[in-house]
Amino acid sequence: MNVLTALAGFPNAAPLAGLDRAWTWSLGPVLHFAGVVTADGDRLLQTNQRGRHDEDLARAVLAFARRHEETLIGGGRPIEAVRGFSAAGYAFDAVAATAPAVHGHHRAQNPGLTTVTYIVFPAFATEVSGRESL
């Protein structure tokens, strides 16, 4: 699976300014997505926003997730968080990632992409204990 080709083919897809190998796309006026390819090019770190799209927050989450991708997705846990995140205007102090087995994103239109997609989101470190099971 070529993750970059899949991203470029999403409806309304456009490169995410300021972040290499990253894209934004939307499904109508309510659902907004952004994703960045991992360093090895084989996986997608994706963030989702409902309602107002804050591109700066999406970029900050994805850049942080990429810098910490090994910790977020390399341990085989269903959910993992890394402390130390900050974004202007928000009080979040971590970024969390859910493994492909947790979410169903892309299952209908692109099942192959589901297995390599990790959903990342801004969080509070206290929301993820590290003891979560699938």
N, C-alpha and C. Protein backbone atom coordinates (compact mmCIF):
# COMPACT_ATOMS: atom_id res chain seq x y z
N MET A 1 0.84 -1.18 0.00
CA MET A 1 0.00 0.00 0.00
C MET A 1 0.88 1.24 0.00
N ASN A 2 0.60 2.16 -0.89
CA ASN A 2 1.31 3.43 -0.91
C ASN A 2 0.45 4.45 -0.17
N VAL A 3 0.86 4.78 1.04
CA VAL A 3 0.08 5.66 1.91
C VAL A 3 -0.06 7.05 1.31
N LEU A 4 1.01 7.59 0.73
CA LEU A 4 0.95 8.93 0.12
C LEU A 4 -0.06 8.97 -1.03
N THR A 5 -0.09 7.95 -1.85
CA THR A 5 -1.05 7.90 -2.95
C THR A 5 -2.48 7.85 -2.41
N ALA A 6 -2.69 7.06 -1.36
CA ALA A 6 -4.03 6.99 -0.75
C ALA A 6 -4.45 8.35 -0.21
N LEU A 7 -3.54 9.05 0.46
CA LEU A 7 -3.85 10.37 1.01
C LEU A 7 -4.21 11.35 -0.09
N ALA A 8 -3.42 11.38 -1.13
CA ALA A 8 -3.65 12.33 -2.22
C ALA A 8 -4.98 12.07 -2.92
N GLY A 9 -5.52 10.86 -2.82
CA GLY A 9 -6.77 10.53 -3.47
C GLY A 9 -8.01 10.80 -2.65
N PHE A 10 -7.86 11.28 -1.42
CA PHE A 10 -9.02 11.58 -0.59
C PHE A 10 -9.78 12.79 -1.13
N PRO A 11 -11.09 12.86 -0.89
CA PRO A 11 -11.88 14.01 -1.33
C PRO A 11 -11.33 15.31 -0.72
N ASN A 12 -11.21 16.32 -1.54
CA ASN A 12 -10.75 17.65 -1.09
C ASN A 12 -9.35 17.61 -0.48
N ALA A 13 -8.53 16.65 -0.87
CA ALA A 13 -7.18 16.52 -0.29
C ALA A 13 -6.29 17.67 -0.74
N ALA A 14 -5.50 18.15 0.21
CA ALA A 14 -4.53 19.22 -0.07
C ALA A 14 -3.35 19.03 0.87
N PRO A 15 -2.15 19.36 0.43
CA PRO A 15 -0.99 19.27 1.33
C PRO A 15 -1.20 20.16 2.56
N LEU A 16 -0.75 19.69 3.70
CA LEU A 16 -0.82 20.46 4.94
C LEU A 16 0.44 21.32 5.01
N ALA A 17 0.27 22.62 4.89
CA ALA A 17 1.40 23.54 4.87
C ALA A 17 2.23 23.41 6.14
N GLY A 18 3.54 23.42 5.95
CA GLY A 18 4.45 23.44 7.08
C GLY A 18 4.82 22.07 7.62
N LEU A 19 4.33 21.00 6.99
CA LEU A 19 4.66 19.66 7.46
C LEU A 19 4.83 18.74 6.26
N ASP A 20 6.01 18.20 6.11
CA ASP A 20 6.34 17.35 4.98
C ASP A 20 5.53 16.06 4.99
N ARG A 21 5.09 15.62 3.82
CA ARG A 21 4.32 14.39 3.63
C ARG A 21 3.08 14.35 4.52
N ALA A 22 2.37 15.48 4.55
CA ALA A 22 1.15 15.61 5.34
C ALA A 22 0.04 16.20 4.48
N TRP A 23 -1.18 15.77 4.73
CA TRP A 23 -2.33 16.20 3.94
C TRP A 23 -3.51 16.53 4.84
N THR A 24 -4.40 17.36 4.34
CA THR A 24 -5.70 17.58 4.97
C THR A 24 -6.76 17.17 3.97
N TRP A 25 -7.93 16.80 4.47
CA TRP A 25 -9.08 16.50 3.62
C TRP A 25 -10.33 16.62 4.48
N SER A 26 -11.47 16.70 3.84
CA SER A 26 -12.72 16.84 4.60
C SER A 26 -13.84 16.09 3.91
N LEU A 27 -14.83 15.75 4.71
CA LEU A 27 -16.06 15.15 4.20
C LEU A 27 -17.17 16.11 4.59
N GLY A 28 -17.49 17.01 3.70
CA GLY A 28 -18.51 18.00 3.98
C GLY A 28 -18.00 19.07 4.92
N PRO A 29 -18.91 19.87 5.44
CA PRO A 29 -18.49 21.00 6.27
C PRO A 29 -18.21 20.64 7.73
N VAL A 30 -18.43 19.39 8.13
CA VAL A 30 -18.35 19.04 9.55
C VAL A 30 -17.14 18.17 9.89
N LEU A 31 -16.78 17.23 9.04
CA LEU A 31 -15.72 16.29 9.36
C LEU A 31 -14.43 16.67 8.64
N HIS A 32 -13.39 16.93 9.43
CA HIS A 32 -12.10 17.37 8.91
C HIS A 32 -11.01 16.43 9.39
N PHE A 33 -10.08 16.12 8.51
CA PHE A 33 -9.03 15.17 8.82
C PHE A 33 -7.68 15.74 8.38
N ALA A 34 -6.65 15.26 9.02
CA ALA A 34 -5.28 15.57 8.60
C ALA A 34 -4.45 14.34 8.91
N GLY A 35 -3.47 14.10 8.07
CA GLY A 35 -2.62 12.94 8.29
C GLY A 35 -1.21 13.19 7.82
N VAL A 36 -0.29 12.46 8.45
CA VAL A 36 1.11 12.54 8.09
C VAL A 36 1.65 11.12 8.00
N VAL A 37 2.51 10.90 7.04
CA VAL A 37 3.13 9.59 6.85
C VAL A 37 4.27 9.43 7.84
N THR A 38 4.42 8.23 8.40
CA THR A 38 5.50 7.97 9.34
C THR A 38 6.85 8.03 8.64
N ALA A 39 7.90 8.06 9.41
CA ALA A 39 9.25 8.18 8.85
C ALA A 39 9.58 7.08 7.85
N ASP A 40 9.09 5.86 8.11
CA ASP A 40 9.37 4.76 7.19
C ASP A 40 8.45 4.75 5.97
N GLY A 41 7.45 5.63 5.96
CA GLY A 41 6.53 5.75 4.84
C GLY A 41 5.46 4.69 4.78
N ASP A 42 5.40 3.81 5.77
CA ASP A 42 4.48 2.68 5.74
C ASP A 42 3.19 2.86 6.53
N ARG A 43 3.11 3.89 7.36
CA ARG A 43 1.93 4.06 8.22
C ARG A 43 1.45 5.51 8.18
N LEU A 44 0.22 5.68 8.60
CA LEU A 44 -0.43 6.99 8.62
C LEU A 44 -0.78 7.37 10.05
N LEU A 45 -0.37 8.56 10.45
CA LEU A 45 -0.82 9.15 11.71
C LEU A 45 -1.90 10.15 11.34
N GLN A 46 -3.11 9.93 11.81
CA GLN A 46 -4.26 10.74 11.38
C GLN A 46 -4.94 11.38 12.56
N THR A 47 -5.33 12.63 12.40
CA THR A 47 -6.12 13.31 13.41
C THR A 47 -7.46 13.72 12.79
N ASN A 48 -8.49 13.74 13.62
CA ASN A 48 -9.85 14.03 13.17
C ASN A 48 -10.40 15.21 13.95
N GLN A 49 -11.13 16.07 13.28
CA GLN A 49 -11.80 17.19 13.95
C GLN A 49 -13.23 17.26 13.45
N ARG A 50 -14.12 17.54 14.36
CA ARG A 50 -15.53 17.68 14.02
C ARG A 50 -15.93 19.13 14.27
N GLY A 51 -16.63 19.71 13.32
CA GLY A 51 -17.02 21.12 13.45
C GLY A 51 -15.92 22.01 12.93
N ARG A 52 -15.51 22.96 13.75
CA ARG A 52 -14.48 23.92 13.35
C ARG A 52 -13.14 23.21 13.16
N HIS A 53 -12.52 23.46 12.03
CA HIS A 53 -11.21 22.86 11.73
C HIS A 53 -10.12 23.82 12.17
N ASP A 54 -9.26 23.38 13.05
CA ASP A 54 -8.12 24.17 13.51
C ASP A 54 -6.86 23.55 12.90
N GLU A 55 -6.45 24.09 11.77
CA GLU A 55 -5.30 23.54 11.06
C GLU A 55 -4.02 23.65 11.88
N ASP A 56 -3.88 24.71 12.67
CA ASP A 56 -2.68 24.85 13.50
C ASP A 56 -2.61 23.74 14.54
N LEU A 57 -3.75 23.41 15.14
CA LEU A 57 -3.77 22.32 16.12
C LEU A 57 -3.46 20.99 15.44
N ALA A 58 -4.07 20.74 14.29
CA ALA A 58 -3.80 19.50 13.56
C ALA A 58 -2.31 19.39 13.23
N ARG A 59 -1.72 20.47 12.74
CA ARG A 59 -0.29 20.46 12.40
C ARG A 59 0.56 20.19 13.64
N ALA A 60 0.23 20.83 14.76
CA ALA A 60 0.99 20.64 16.00
C ALA A 60 0.89 19.20 16.49
N VAL A 61 -0.31 18.63 16.46
CA VAL A 61 -0.50 17.24 16.90
C VAL A 61 0.28 16.28 16.00
N LEU A 62 0.18 16.48 14.70
CA LEU A 62 0.87 15.58 13.76
C LEU A 62 2.39 15.71 13.85
N ALA A 63 2.89 16.92 14.00
CA ALA A 63 4.34 17.11 14.12
C ALA A 63 4.86 16.45 15.40
N PHE A 64 4.13 16.61 16.50
CA PHE A 64 4.52 15.98 17.77
C PHE A 64 4.46 14.46 17.64
N ALA A 65 3.37 13.96 17.03
CA ALA A 65 3.21 12.51 16.86
C ALA A 65 4.34 11.94 16.01
N ARG A 66 4.71 12.64 14.96
CA ARG A 66 5.80 12.15 14.12
C ARG A 66 7.11 12.10 14.89
N ARG A 67 7.38 13.12 15.71
CA ARG A 67 8.62 13.13 16.50
C ARG A 67 8.65 11.99 17.52
N HIS A 68 7.47 11.55 17.96
CA HIS A 68 7.37 10.52 19.00
C HIS A 68 6.71 9.24 18.48
N GLU A 69 6.77 9.03 17.18
CA GLU A 69 6.03 7.92 16.59
C GLU A 69 6.45 6.56 17.15
N GLU A 70 7.70 6.36 17.43
CA GLU A 70 8.13 5.05 17.93
C GLU A 70 7.47 4.74 19.27
N THR A 71 7.38 5.72 20.15
CA THR A 71 6.72 5.51 21.44
C THR A 71 5.22 5.35 21.26
N LEU A 72 4.62 6.18 20.43
CA LEU A 72 3.17 6.15 20.25
C LEU A 72 2.66 4.88 19.57
N ILE A 73 3.40 4.37 18.59
CA ILE A 73 2.87 3.25 17.82
C ILE A 73 3.77 2.02 17.82
N GLY A 74 4.94 2.11 18.40
CA GLY A 74 5.88 1.00 18.33
C GLY A 74 5.73 -0.06 19.40
N GLY A 75 4.94 0.22 20.43
CA GLY A 75 4.85 -0.72 21.55
C GLY A 75 3.75 -1.75 21.46
N GLY A 76 2.92 -1.66 20.43
CA GLY A 76 1.87 -2.65 20.26
C GLY A 76 0.69 -2.51 21.21
N ARG A 77 0.58 -1.38 21.87
CA ARG A 77 -0.54 -1.15 22.80
C ARG A 77 -1.74 -0.60 22.04
N PRO A 78 -2.96 -0.83 22.54
CA PRO A 78 -4.14 -0.30 21.86
C PRO A 78 -4.22 1.22 21.92
N ILE A 79 -3.69 1.80 22.99
CA ILE A 79 -3.62 3.26 23.11
C ILE A 79 -2.36 3.60 23.89
N GLU A 80 -1.71 4.65 23.44
CA GLU A 80 -0.48 5.09 24.09
C GLU A 80 -0.48 6.61 24.08
N ALA A 81 0.15 7.22 25.06
CA ALA A 81 0.25 8.68 25.12
C ALA A 81 1.68 9.09 25.44
N VAL A 82 2.03 10.26 24.94
CA VAL A 82 3.34 10.85 25.22
C VAL A 82 3.09 12.24 25.79
N ARG A 83 3.67 12.50 26.92
CA ARG A 83 3.55 13.81 27.57
C ARG A 83 4.47 14.82 26.90
N GLY A 84 4.21 16.11 27.19
CA GLY A 84 5.09 17.17 26.72
C GLY A 84 4.54 17.97 25.56
N PHE A 85 3.32 17.68 25.14
CA PHE A 85 2.70 18.40 24.03
C PHE A 85 2.14 19.74 24.52
N SER A 86 2.21 20.74 23.66
CA SER A 86 1.52 22.01 23.92
C SER A 86 1.13 22.63 22.58
N ALA A 87 0.05 23.37 22.61
CA ALA A 87 -0.42 24.10 21.43
C ALA A 87 -1.08 25.38 21.91
N ALA A 88 -0.78 26.47 21.24
CA ALA A 88 -1.31 27.78 21.63
C ALA A 88 -2.84 27.73 21.70
N GLY A 89 -3.37 28.22 22.82
CA GLY A 89 -4.81 28.29 23.00
C GLY A 89 -5.44 27.04 23.58
N TYR A 90 -4.64 26.03 23.87
CA TYR A 90 -5.15 24.76 24.39
C TYR A 90 -4.37 24.35 25.63
N ALA A 91 -5.00 23.59 26.52
CA ALA A 91 -4.36 23.13 27.75
C ALA A 91 -3.88 21.69 27.68
N PHE A 92 -4.00 21.03 26.55
CA PHE A 92 -3.55 19.65 26.42
C PHE A 92 -2.07 19.53 26.78
N ASP A 93 -1.71 18.40 27.39
CA ASP A 93 -0.30 18.19 27.75
C ASP A 93 0.27 16.89 27.19
N ALA A 94 -0.47 16.24 26.29
CA ALA A 94 -0.02 14.97 25.72
C ALA A 94 -0.65 14.78 24.34
N VAL A 95 -0.10 13.86 23.61
CA VAL A 95 -0.72 13.36 22.38
C VAL A 95 -0.88 11.86 22.57
N ALA A 96 -2.05 11.34 22.22
CA ALA A 96 -2.33 9.92 22.33
C ALA A 96 -2.53 9.34 20.93
N ALA A 97 -2.34 8.04 20.83
CA ALA A 97 -2.55 7.33 19.56
C ALA A 97 -3.31 6.05 19.83
N THR A 98 -4.29 5.76 18.98
CA THR A 98 -5.00 4.49 19.07
C THR A 98 -4.56 3.62 17.89
N ALA A 99 -4.39 2.34 18.17
CA ALA A 99 -3.94 1.37 17.17
C ALA A 99 -5.05 1.05 16.18
N PRO A 100 -4.70 0.50 15.03
CA PRO A 100 -5.69 0.15 14.01
C PRO A 100 -6.81 -0.76 14.54
N ALA A 101 -6.51 -1.65 15.48
CA ALA A 101 -7.53 -2.56 16.00
C ALA A 101 -8.61 -1.82 16.81
N VAL A 102 -8.35 -0.57 17.20
CA VAL A 102 -9.29 0.18 18.03
C VAL A 102 -10.31 0.95 17.20
N HIS A 103 -9.92 1.44 16.05
CA HIS A 103 -10.80 2.31 15.25
C HIS A 103 -11.21 1.61 13.96
N GLY A 104 -12.17 2.17 13.28
CA GLY A 104 -12.61 1.60 12.01
C GLY A 104 -12.43 2.53 10.84
N HIS A 105 -11.57 3.52 10.98
CA HIS A 105 -11.38 4.49 9.91
C HIS A 105 -10.90 3.83 8.63
N HIS A 106 -11.48 4.23 7.53
CA HIS A 106 -11.15 3.78 6.17
C HIS A 106 -11.63 2.36 5.84
N ARG A 107 -12.30 1.70 6.77
CA ARG A 107 -12.70 0.30 6.56
C ARG A 107 -13.59 0.12 5.34
N ALA A 108 -14.51 1.04 5.10
CA ALA A 108 -15.44 0.88 3.98
C ALA A 108 -14.79 1.19 2.63
N GLN A 109 -14.06 2.30 2.52
CA GLN A 109 -13.51 2.71 1.24
C GLN A 109 -12.10 2.18 0.97
N ASN A 110 -11.34 1.92 2.01
CA ASN A 110 -9.95 1.53 1.80
C ASN A 110 -9.47 0.66 2.96
N PRO A 111 -9.93 -0.61 3.03
CA PRO A 111 -9.59 -1.47 4.17
C PRO A 111 -8.09 -1.65 4.39
N GLY A 112 -7.31 -1.64 3.33
CA GLY A 112 -5.87 -1.77 3.49
C GLY A 112 -5.26 -0.62 4.25
N LEU A 113 -5.85 0.55 4.11
CA LEU A 113 -5.36 1.73 4.83
C LEU A 113 -5.70 1.64 6.32
N THR A 114 -6.82 1.00 6.65
CA THR A 114 -7.21 0.86 8.06
C THR A 114 -6.10 0.21 8.87
N THR A 115 -5.49 -0.81 8.33
CA THR A 115 -4.50 -1.58 9.09
C THR A 115 -3.19 -0.84 9.33
N VAL A 116 -2.97 0.28 8.66
CA VAL A 116 -1.74 1.04 8.84
C VAL A 116 -2.00 2.45 9.37
N THR A 117 -3.25 2.71 9.79
CA THR A 117 -3.62 4.04 10.29
C THR A 117 -3.70 4.04 11.81
N TYR A 118 -3.06 5.02 12.40
CA TYR A 118 -3.12 5.25 13.84
C TYR A 118 -3.79 6.60 14.04
N ILE A 119 -4.84 6.65 14.84
CA ILE A 119 -5.53 7.90 15.11
C ILE A 119 -4.82 8.59 16.27
N VAL A 120 -4.36 9.81 16.03
CA VAL A 120 -3.65 10.58 17.05
C VAL A 120 -4.50 11.79 17.43
N PHE A 121 -4.41 12.18 18.68
CA PHE A 121 -5.24 13.30 19.14
C PHE A 121 -4.61 13.96 20.36
N PRO A 122 -4.91 15.25 20.54
CA PRO A 122 -4.42 15.93 21.74
C PRO A 122 -5.17 15.40 22.95
N ALA A 123 -4.47 15.27 24.05
CA ALA A 123 -5.07 14.67 25.24
C ALA A 123 -4.47 15.29 26.49
N PHE A 124 -5.02 14.86 27.60
CA PHE A 124 -4.41 15.14 28.90
C PHE A 124 -3.75 13.85 29.34
N ALA A 125 -2.55 13.94 29.84
CA ALA A 125 -1.78 12.74 30.19
C ALA A 125 -2.56 11.82 31.13
N THR A 126 -3.40 12.37 31.98
CA THR A 126 -4.16 11.56 32.94
C THR A 126 -5.26 10.73 32.27
N GLU A 127 -5.55 10.97 30.99
CA GLU A 127 -6.60 10.22 30.31
C GLU A 127 -6.14 8.82 29.89
N VAL A 128 -4.85 8.59 29.81
CA VAL A 128 -4.32 7.30 29.36
C VAL A 128 -3.47 6.73 30.49
N SER A 129 -3.90 5.60 31.03
CA SER A 129 -3.19 5.00 32.17
C SER A 129 -2.01 4.13 31.75
N GLY A 130 -2.06 3.61 30.52
CA GLY A 130 -1.05 2.66 30.08
C GLY A 130 -1.44 1.23 30.39
N ARG A 131 -2.60 1.04 31.01
CA ARG A 131 -3.08 -0.30 31.34
C ARG A 131 -4.32 -0.69 30.53
N GLU A 132 -4.65 0.08 29.52
CA GLU A 132 -5.85 -0.19 28.72
C GLU A 132 -5.66 -1.48 27.92
N SER A 133 -6.74 -2.23 27.81
CA SER A 133 -6.71 -3.43 26.99
C SER A 133 -7.52 -3.16 25.72
N LEU A 134 -7.35 -4.00 24.73
CA LEU A 134 -8.10 -3.85 23.51
C LEU A 134 -9.59 -3.95 23.79
